[in-house]
C-alpha atoms as a PDB file:
ATOM      1  CA  MET A   1      32.308 -59.852 -24.803  1.00  0.00           C
ATOM      2  CA  GLU A   2      31.768 -59.268 -21.060  1.00  0.00           C
ATOM      3  CA  GLN A   3      34.914 -58.138 -19.254  1.00  0.00           C
ATOM      4  CA  GLN A   4      35.777 -60.223 -16.216  1.00  0.00           C
ATOM      5  CA  THR A   5      36.101 -58.263 -12.999  1.00  0.00           C
ATOM      6  CA  PRO A   6      39.404 -59.075 -11.320  1.00  0.00           C
ATOM      7  CA  GLU A   7      39.162 -60.713  -7.924  1.00  0.00           C
ATOM      8  CA  VAL A   8      40.805 -58.845  -5.073  1.00  0.00           C
ATOM      9  CA  ILE A   9      42.427 -60.782  -2.262  1.00  0.00           C
ATOM     10  CA  GLU A  10      41.875 -58.767   0.885  1.00  0.00           C
ATOM     11  CA  VAL A  11      43.685 -58.937   4.180  1.00  0.00           C
ATOM     12  CA  PRO A  12      41.480 -60.806   6.694  1.00  0.00           C
ATOM     13  CA  PRO A  13      39.762 -58.438   9.164  1.00  0.00           C
ATOM     14  CA  GLN A  14      40.934 -60.459  12.163  1.00  0.00           C
ATOM     15  CA  ARG A  15      44.528 -59.731  11.223  1.00  0.00           C
ATOM     16  CA  GLN A  16      43.769 -56.023  11.048  1.00  0.00           C
ATOM     17  CA  ARG A  17      41.988 -56.116  14.425  1.00  0.00           C
ATOM     18  CA  SER A  18      44.990 -57.753  16.046  1.00  0.00           C
ATOM     19  CA  ARG A  19      47.040 -54.685  15.180  1.00  0.00           C
ATOM     20  CA  ASP A  20      44.687 -52.456  17.150  1.00  0.00           C
ATOM     21  CA  LEU A  21      46.303 -53.743  20.349  1.00  0.00           C
ATOM     22  CA  THR A  22      49.685 -52.061  20.624  1.00  0.00           C
ATOM     23  CA  ALA A  23      52.519 -52.266  23.092  1.00  0.00           C
ATOM     24  CA  LEU A  24      51.681 -48.741  24.241  1.00  0.00           C
ATOM     25  CA  ASP A  25      48.127 -49.798  25.155  1.00  0.00           C
ATOM     26  CA  CYS A  26      49.467 -52.744  27.154  1.00  0.00           C
ATOM     27  CA  VAL A  27      51.988 -50.547  28.979  1.00  0.00           C
ATOM     28  CA  ARG A  28      49.316 -47.986  29.882  1.00  0.00           C
ATOM     29  CA  PHE A  29      47.044 -50.717  31.240  1.00  0.00           C
ATOM     30  CA  LEU A  30      49.860 -52.185  33.350  1.00  0.00           C
ATOM     31  CA  ILE A  31      50.762 -48.741  34.727  1.00  0.00           C
ATOM     32  CA  ILE A  32      47.179 -48.108  35.842  1.00  0.00           C
ATOM     33  CA  LEU A  33      46.948 -51.620  37.312  1.00  0.00           C
ATOM     34  CA  GLU A  34      50.191 -51.136  39.247  1.00  0.00           C
ATOM     35  CA  LEU A  35      48.999 -47.825  40.710  1.00  0.00           C
ATOM     36  CA  LEU A  36      45.652 -49.343  41.722  1.00  0.00           C
ATOM     37  CA  ILE A  37      47.439 -52.217  43.474  1.00  0.00           C
ATOM     38  CA  LYS A  38      49.591 -49.759  45.430  1.00  0.00           C
ATOM     39  CA  ILE A  39      46.505 -47.776  46.467  1.00  0.00           C
ATOM     40  CA  VAL A  40      44.815 -50.969  47.698  1.00  0.00           C
ATOM     41  CA  ILE A  41      47.952 -51.944  49.648  1.00  0.00           C
ATOM     42  CA  VAL A  42      48.196 -48.545  51.353  1.00  0.00           C
ATOM     43  CA  ILE A  43      44.494 -48.347  52.242  1.00  0.00           C
ATOM     44  CA  THR A  44      44.308 -51.939  53.497  1.00  0.00           C
ATOM     45  CA  THR A  45      47.498 -51.794  55.550  1.00  0.00           C
ATOM     46  CA  GLY A  46      46.734 -48.327  56.912  1.00  0.00           C
ATOM     47  CA  THR A  47      43.283 -49.457  58.055  1.00  0.00           C
ATOM     48  CA  ILE A  48      44.670 -52.528  59.845  1.00  0.00           C
ATOM     49  CA  LEU A  49      47.396 -50.475  61.549  1.00  0.00           C
ATOM     50  CA  PHE A  50      44.798 -47.944  62.710  1.00  0.00           C
ATOM     51  CA  LEU A  51      42.562 -50.664  64.173  1.00  0.00           C
ATOM     52  CA  GLU A  52      45.470 -52.452  65.881  1.00  0.00           C
ATOM     53  CA  TRP A  53      47.360 -49.368  67.051  1.00  0.00           C
ATOM     54  CA  ASP A  54      46.017 -49.224  70.629  1.00  0.00           C
ATOM     55  CA  LYS A  55      46.600 -52.901  71.330  1.00  0.00           C
ATOM     56  CA  THR A  56      49.637 -53.410  73.534  1.00  0.00           C
ATOM     57  CA  THR A  57      52.103 -56.144  72.663  1.00  0.00           C
ATOM     58  CA  SER A  58      55.658 -56.995  73.600  1.00  0.00           C
ATOM     59  CA  ASP A  59      56.764 -57.562  70.002  1.00  0.00           C
ATOM     60  CA  GLN A  60      56.523 -54.463  67.789  1.00  0.00           C
ATOM     61  CA  SER A  61      58.455 -55.856  64.809  1.00  0.00           C
ATOM     62  CA  LEU A  62      55.413 -56.521  62.600  1.00  0.00           C
ATOM     63  CA  ARG A  63      53.949 -53.097  63.337  1.00  0.00           C
ATOM     64  CA  ILE A  64      57.240 -51.395  62.498  1.00  0.00           C
ATOM     65  CA  PHE A  65      57.557 -53.468  59.336  1.00  0.00           C
ATOM     66  CA  LEU A  66      54.073 -52.505  58.119  1.00  0.00           C
ATOM     67  CA  CYS A  67      54.559 -48.802  58.934  1.00  0.00           C
ATOM     68  CA  VAL A  68      57.787 -48.647  56.934  1.00  0.00           C
ATOM     69  CA  TYR A  69      56.191 -50.776  54.214  1.00  0.00           C
ATOM     70  CA  VAL A  70      53.356 -48.253  53.804  1.00  0.00           C
ATOM     71  CA  VAL A  71      55.834 -45.349  53.589  1.00  0.00           C
ATOM     72  CA  LEU A  72      57.924 -47.196  50.991  1.00  0.00           C
ATOM     73  CA  THR A  73      54.824 -48.118  48.980  1.00  0.00           C
ATOM     74  CA  ILE A  74      53.587 -44.509  48.912  1.00  0.00           C
ATOM     75  CA  THR A  75      57.039 -43.224  47.930  1.00  0.00           C
ATOM     76  CA  LYS A  76      57.432 -45.876  45.262  1.00  0.00           C
ATOM     77  CA  GLY A  77      53.950 -45.092  43.959  1.00  0.00           C
ATOM     78  CA  PHE A  78      54.803 -41.418  43.389  1.00  0.00           C
ATOM     79  CA  VAL A  79      58.149 -42.262  41.797  1.00  0.00           C
ATOM     80  CA  PHE A  80      56.476 -44.910  39.628  1.00  0.00           C
ATOM     81  CA  TYR A  81      53.882 -42.364  38.469  1.00  0.00           C
ATOM     82  CA  PHE A  82      56.432 -39.685  37.539  1.00  0.00           C
ATOM     83  CA  LYS A  83      58.622 -42.286  35.842  1.00  0.00           C
ATOM     84  CA  ASN A  84      55.821 -43.621  33.627  1.00  0.00           C
ATOM     85  CA  LYS A  85      53.451 -40.683  33.098  1.00  0.00           C
ATOM     86  CA  GLN A  86      55.089 -39.988  29.728  1.00  0.00           C
ATOM     87  CA  PHE A  87      53.478 -43.142  28.338  1.00  0.00           C
ATOM     88  CA  PHE A  88      50.154 -41.250  28.417  1.00  0.00           C
ATOM     89  CA  MET A  89      51.625 -38.259  26.533  1.00  0.00           C
ATOM     90  CA  ILE A  90      53.141 -40.047  23.536  1.00  0.00           C
ATOM     91  CA  SER A  91      51.705 -41.903  20.555  1.00  0.00           C
ATOM     92  CA  ARG A  92      54.624 -44.262  19.941  1.00  0.00           C
ATOM     93  CA  ILE A  93      57.036 -45.934  22.367  1.00  0.00           C
ATOM     94  CA  PRO A  94      60.201 -44.767  20.489  1.00  0.00           C
ATOM     95  CA  GLU A  95      59.194 -41.189  21.382  1.00  0.00           C
ATOM     96  CA  LEU A  96      59.727 -41.918  25.099  1.00  0.00           C
ATOM     97  CA  ASP A  97      62.394 -39.762  26.727  1.00  0.00           C
ATOM     98  CA  GLU A  98      63.149 -41.337  30.108  1.00  0.00           C
ATOM     99  CA  ASP A  99      64.385 -39.248  33.039  1.00  0.00           C
ATOM    100  CA  ASN A 100      67.590 -40.928  34.212  1.00  0.00           C
ATOM    101  CA  ASP A 101      67.402 -39.453  37.724  1.00  0.00           C
ATOM    102  CA  ILE A 102      63.881 -40.769  38.311  1.00  0.00           C
ATOM    103  CA  ALA A 103      64.849 -44.126  36.812  1.00  0.00           C
ATOM    104  CA  LEU A 104      67.810 -44.342  39.207  1.00  0.00           C
ATOM    105  CA  LEU A 105      65.615 -43.427  42.184  1.00  0.00           C
ATOM    106  CA  ASN A 106      63.093 -46.063  41.114  1.00  0.00           C
ATOM    107  CA  ASN A 107      65.827 -48.719  40.945  1.00  0.00           C
ATOM    108  CA  ILE A 108      67.026 -47.778  44.439  1.00  0.00           C
ATOM    109  CA  LEU A 109      63.473 -48.078  45.764  1.00  0.00           C
ATOM    110  CA  GLU A 110      63.066 -51.460  44.062  1.00  0.00           C
ATOM    111  CA  ALA A 111      66.205 -52.726  45.804  1.00  0.00           C
ATOM    112  CA  THR A 112      65.030 -51.252  49.113  1.00  0.00           C
ATOM    113  CA  MET A 113      61.632 -52.927  48.756  1.00  0.00           C
ATOM    114  CA  LEU A 114      63.284 -56.278  48.058  1.00  0.00           C
ATOM    115  CA  PHE A 115      65.444 -55.858  51.158  1.00  0.00           C
ATOM    116  CA  TRP A 116      62.395 -54.875  53.224  1.00  0.00           C
ATOM    117  CA  HIS A 117      60.487 -57.960  52.093  1.00  0.00           C
ATOM    118  CA  ILE A 118      63.403 -60.052  53.360  1.00  0.00           C
ATOM    119  CA  VAL A 119      63.209 -58.157  56.668  1.00  0.00           C
ATOM    120  CA  GLY A 120      59.487 -58.926  56.828  1.00  0.00           C
ATOM    121  CA  PHE A 121      60.167 -62.608  56.221  1.00  0.00           C
ATOM    122  CA  HIS A 122      62.601 -62.647  59.153  1.00  0.00           C
ATOM    123  CA  CYS A 123      60.047 -60.846  61.340  1.00  0.00           C
ATOM    124  CA  LEU A 124      57.539 -63.597  60.605  1.00  0.00           C
ATOM    125  CA  GLN A 125      60.112 -66.241  61.505  1.00  0.00           C
ATOM    126  CA  ASP A 126      61.188 -64.550  64.747  1.00  0.00           C
ATOM    127  CA  CYS A 127      57.722 -63.719  66.070  1.00  0.00           C
ATOM    128  CA  THR A 128      56.619 -67.268  66.864  1.00  0.00           C
ATOM    129  CA  ASN A 129      53.448 -66.362  68.774  1.00  0.00           C
ATOM    130  CA  CYS A 130      52.335 -63.404  66.615  1.00  0.00           C
ATOM    131  CA  LYS A 131      49.913 -65.635  64.738  1.00  0.00           C
ATOM    132  CA  ILE A 132      47.916 -65.838  67.981  1.00  0.00           C
ATOM    133  CA  THR A 133      48.637 -62.506  69.687  1.00  0.00           C
ATOM    134  CA  GLN A 134      48.612 -60.298  66.552  1.00  0.00           C
ATOM    135  CA  PRO A 135      46.712 -62.233  63.870  1.00  0.00           C
ATOM    136  CA  TRP A 136      45.777 -59.194  61.767  1.00  0.00           C
ATOM    137  CA  LEU A 137      49.323 -57.838  61.701  1.00  0.00           C
ATOM    138  CA  TYR A 138      50.779 -61.301  61.165  1.00  0.00           C
ATOM    139  CA  TYR A 139      48.611 -62.279  58.200  1.00  0.00           C
ATOM    140  CA  THR A 140      48.847 -58.812  56.635  1.00  0.00           C
ATOM    141  CA  THR A 141      52.635 -59.029  56.797  1.00  0.00           C
ATOM    142  CA  LEU A 142      52.529 -62.577  55.431  1.00  0.00           C
ATOM    143  CA  LEU A 143      50.304 -61.435  52.561  1.00  0.00           C
ATOM    144  CA  TRP A 144      52.484 -58.510  51.474  1.00  0.00           C
ATOM    145  CA  VAL A 145      55.757 -60.406  51.903  1.00  0.00           C
ATOM    146  CA  SER A 146      54.406 -63.260  49.767  1.00  0.00           C
ATOM    147  CA  PHE A 147      53.012 -60.807  47.216  1.00  0.00           C
ATOM    148  CA  GLY A 148      56.355 -59.000  47.086  1.00  0.00           C
ATOM    149  CA  PHE A 149      58.383 -62.132  46.435  1.00  0.00           C
ATOM    150  CA  ILE A 150      55.920 -63.260  43.770  1.00  0.00           C
ATOM    151  CA  SER A 151      56.050 -59.839  42.069  1.00  0.00           C
ATOM    152  CA  PHE A 152      59.839 -60.114  41.861  1.00  0.00           C
ATOM    153  CA  ILE A 153      59.787 -63.687  40.533  1.00  0.00           C
ATOM    154  CA  LEU A 154      56.965 -63.328  37.981  1.00  0.00           C
ATOM    155  CA  PRO A 155      58.850 -60.972  35.587  1.00  0.00           C
ATOM    156  CA  LEU A 156      61.717 -63.467  35.429  1.00  0.00           C
ATOM    157  CA  LEU A 157      59.283 -66.278  34.620  1.00  0.00           C
ATOM    158  CA  ALA A 158      57.549 -64.068  32.037  1.00  0.00           C
ATOM    159  CA  ILE A 159      60.860 -63.343  30.294  1.00  0.00           C
ATOM    160  CA  ALA A 160      61.700 -67.054  30.226  1.00  0.00           C
ATOM    161  CA  MET A 161      58.259 -67.920  28.804  1.00  0.00           C
ATOM    162  CA  LEU A 162      58.533 -65.147  26.208  1.00  0.00           C
ATOM    163  CA  LEU A 163      61.874 -66.483  25.016  1.00  0.00           C
ATOM    164  CA  LEU A 164      60.378 -69.964  24.715  1.00  0.00           C
ATOM    165  CA  LEU A 165      57.364 -68.647  22.803  1.00  0.00           C
ATOM    166  CA  LEU A 166      59.564 -66.695  20.403  1.00  0.00           C
ATOM    167  CA  SER A 167      61.583 -69.849  19.793  1.00  0.00           C
ATOM    168  CA  PHE A 168      58.738 -72.334  19.279  1.00  0.00           C
ATOM    169  CA  LEU A 169      55.642 -70.315  18.310  1.00  0.00           C
ATOM    170  CA  LYS A 170      55.702 -70.038  14.542  1.00  0.00           C
ATOM    171  CA  PRO A 171      53.438 -67.558  12.723  1.00  0.00           C
ATOM    172  CA  LYS A 172      50.417 -68.929  10.850  1.00  0.00           C
ATOM    173  CA  LEU A 173      50.259 -67.186   7.479  1.00  0.00           C
ATOM    174  CA  GLU A 174      47.279 -66.860   5.168  1.00  0.00           C
ATOM    175  CA  SER A 175      47.572 -69.271   2.239  1.00  0.00           C
ATOM    176  CA  VAL A 176      45.709 -68.688  -1.053  1.00  0.00           C
ATOM    177  CA  GLU A 177      45.696 -70.346  -4.463  1.00  0.00           C
ATOM    178  CA  TYR A 178      46.764 -68.006  -7.231  1.00  0.00           C
ATOM    179  CA  HIS A 179      44.880 -67.883 -10.523  1.00  0.00           C
ATOM    180  CA  GLU A 180      44.878 -65.572 -13.512  1.00  0.00           C
ATOM    181  CA  GLY A 181      42.895 -62.359 -13.068  1.00  0.00           C
ATOM    182  CA  CYS A 182      43.174 -62.052  -9.286  1.00  0.00           C
ATOM    183  CA  GLU A 183      44.748 -58.996  -7.753  1.00  0.00           C
ATOM    184  CA  LEU A 184      47.235 -59.200  -4.924  1.00  0.00           C
ATOM    185  CA  PRO A 185      48.329 -56.584  -2.383  1.00  0.00           C
ATOM    186  CA  ASN A 186      51.110 -54.296  -3.664  1.00  0.00           C
ATOM    187  CA  ASP A 187      50.171 -55.166  -7.296  1.00  0.00           C
ATOM    188  CA  THR A 188      53.039 -57.635  -7.558  1.00  0.00           C
ATOM    189  CA  LYS A 189      52.576 -60.919  -9.401  1.00  0.00           C
ATOM    190  CA  MET A 190      55.932 -62.499  -8.688  1.00  0.00           C
ATOM    191  CA  CYS A 191      57.772 -63.987  -5.728  1.00  0.00           C
ATOM    192  CA  THR A 192      60.631 -61.703  -4.737  1.00  0.00           C
ATOM    193  CA  ILE A 193      62.492 -64.571  -3.070  1.00  0.00           C
ATOM    194  CA  CYS A 194      62.963 -66.752  -6.162  1.00  0.00           C
ATOM    195  CA  TYR A 195      62.057 -63.984  -8.685  1.00  0.00           C
ATOM    196  CA  GLU A 196      59.624 -66.247 -10.546  1.00  0.00           C
ATOM    197  CA  GLU A 197      56.179 -65.081 -11.636  1.00  0.00           C
ATOM    198  CA  TYR A 198      53.106 -66.715 -10.145  1.00  0.00           C
ATOM    199  CA  ILE A 199      51.318 -69.298 -12.277  1.00  0.00           C
ATOM    200  CA  GLY A 200      47.764 -70.552 -11.948  1.00  0.00           C
ATOM    201  CA  GLY A 201      47.086 -73.098  -9.218  1.00  0.00           C
ATOM    202  CA  ILE A 202      50.216 -72.376  -7.183  1.00  0.00           C
ATOM    203  CA  LYS A 203      49.989 -71.689  -3.450  1.00  0.00           C
ATOM    204  CA  ILE A 204      51.127 -68.308  -2.183  1.00  0.00           C
ATOM    205  CA  LYS A 205      51.243 -66.918   1.338  1.00  0.00           C
ATOM    206  CA  ILE A 206      50.490 -63.356   2.423  1.00  0.00           C
ATOM    207  CA  LEU A 207      52.385 -61.849   5.350  1.00  0.00           C
ATOM    208  CA  PRO A 208      50.851 -59.405   7.900  1.00  0.00           C
ATOM    209  CA  CYS A 209      52.690 -56.592   6.084  1.00  0.00           C
ATOM    210  CA  ASP A 210      50.778 -57.560   2.858  1.00  0.00           C
ATOM    211  CA  HIS A 211      53.869 -58.811   1.018  1.00  0.00           C
ATOM    212  CA  HIS A 212      53.373 -62.231  -0.572  1.00  0.00           C
ATOM    213  CA  PHE A 213      55.581 -65.066  -1.776  1.00  0.00           C
ATOM    214  CA  HIS A 214      55.475 -68.671  -2.936  1.00  0.00           C
ATOM    215  CA  ALA A 215      54.352 -70.831  -0.025  1.00  0.00           C
ATOM    216  CA  ASP A 216      57.431 -73.056  -0.295  1.00  0.00           C
ATOM    217  CA  CYS A 217      59.779 -70.078  -0.563  1.00  0.00           C
ATOM    218  CA  ILE A 218      58.452 -68.215   2.468  1.00  0.00           C
ATOM    219  CA  ASP A 219      58.217 -71.418   4.541  1.00  0.00           C
ATOM    220  CA  GLU A 220      61.897 -72.052   3.940  1.00  0.00           C
ATOM    221  CA  TRP A 221      62.662 -68.388   4.658  1.00  0.00           C
ATOM    222  CA  ILE A 222      60.883 -68.212   8.032  1.00  0.00           C
ATOM    223  CA  SER A 223      62.469 -71.464   9.147  1.00  0.00           C
ATOM    224  CA  ILE A 224      65.711 -69.449   9.267  1.00  0.00           C
ATOM    225  CA  ARG A 225      64.480 -65.951  10.148  1.00  0.00           C
ATOM    226  CA  GLU A 226      61.032 -64.644  11.093  1.00  0.00           C
ATOM    227  CA  ASN A 227      60.888 -61.376   9.196  1.00  0.00           C
ATOM    228  CA  CYS A 228      59.629 -60.223   5.827  1.00  0.00           C
ATOM    229  CA  PRO A 229      62.258 -60.544   3.066  1.00  0.00           C
ATOM    230  CA  LEU A 230      61.242 -57.116   1.732  1.00  0.00           C
ATOM    231  CA  CYS A 231      60.414 -54.757   4.606  1.00  0.00           C
ATOM    232  CA  LYS A 232      62.146 -56.761   7.365  1.00  0.00           C
ATOM    233  CA  LYS A 233      59.085 -56.490   9.631  1.00  0.00           C
ATOM    234  CA  ASN A 234      58.963 -59.374  12.109  1.00  0.00           C
ATOM    235  CA  ILE A 235      56.031 -61.686  11.383  1.00  0.00           C
ATOM    236  CA  ASN A 236      55.909 -63.492  14.724  1.00  0.00           C
ATOM    237  CA  ILE A 237      52.564 -62.780  16.414  1.00  0.00           C
ATOM    238  CA  LEU A 238      54.301 -61.533  19.582  1.00  0.00           C
ATOM    239  CA  PHE A 239      56.389 -59.040  17.633  1.00  0.00           C
ATOM    240  CA  ASP A 240      53.258 -57.976  15.756  1.00  0.00           C
ATOM    241  CA  ILE A 241      51.698 -56.905  19.069  1.00  0.00           C
ATOM    242  CA  VAL A 242      54.835 -55.135  20.265  1.00  0.00           C
ATOM    243  CA  GLU A 243      55.430 -53.279  17.000  1.00  0.00           C
ATOM    244  CA  GLY A 244      51.769 -52.769  16.142  1.00  0.00           C
ATOM    245  CA  ASP A 245      51.961 -48.990  16.602  1.00  0.00           C
ATOM    246  CA  GLU A 246      54.610 -48.586  13.938  1.00  0.00           C
ATOM    247  CA  THR A 247      54.025 -48.715  10.191  1.00  0.00           C
ATOM    248  CA  ILE A 248      56.646 -50.015   7.791  1.00  0.00           C
ATOM    249  CA  SER A 249      55.961 -49.899   4.082  1.00  0.00           C
ATOM    250  CA  ILE A 250      57.883 -50.479   0.881  1.00  0.00           C
END
């Protein structure tokens, strides 16, 4: 009598690929992007100041604003680099050991930059004819002031959107039909929520951590809390990205 080869239910490759993107990778990308933006700001503003330096004008407010803005941007760039360079020396975010002094200096610079953007906004309001007499300085100031306010507002909007996504975006779990002879991850053939063994034809769902349960049981479970009943790993797709560099096993 020919022995039947048991069927193995494998984790879909797309779910494995999604774990390749970790929070640490995202942080490193954002750090590099932030530094590149600061370099562009310094080069662009410095070039415009150099070209406009010899032009005489009665109102020097925009020129003073841009000079101080360049100095603050360079200073903030160095502080930002020293504050975040550890992200390129670690393999997991929990290993990060932040320097409190640099973090404090960075916060002071952030507050100073916000104040200086407000100063720039007032300079634009006070210099009524600068749009005609100093167009390059005027529009450069307008650009960086607008960019600064947007950069302060966007994180707040991102946090609000993230909270909404975590509240309404439910994870889509793989659903399979159990039958005799198939093998499941972790070699378990029972639902550890209701403690009943699987029977042929019943629907089961497999979590990203490879633990599996009756479809009805896990659906009721995640309607209350979005983590695995066994290993407590969060199964929301956003948490899967954030915690993708950590491995939890039972």
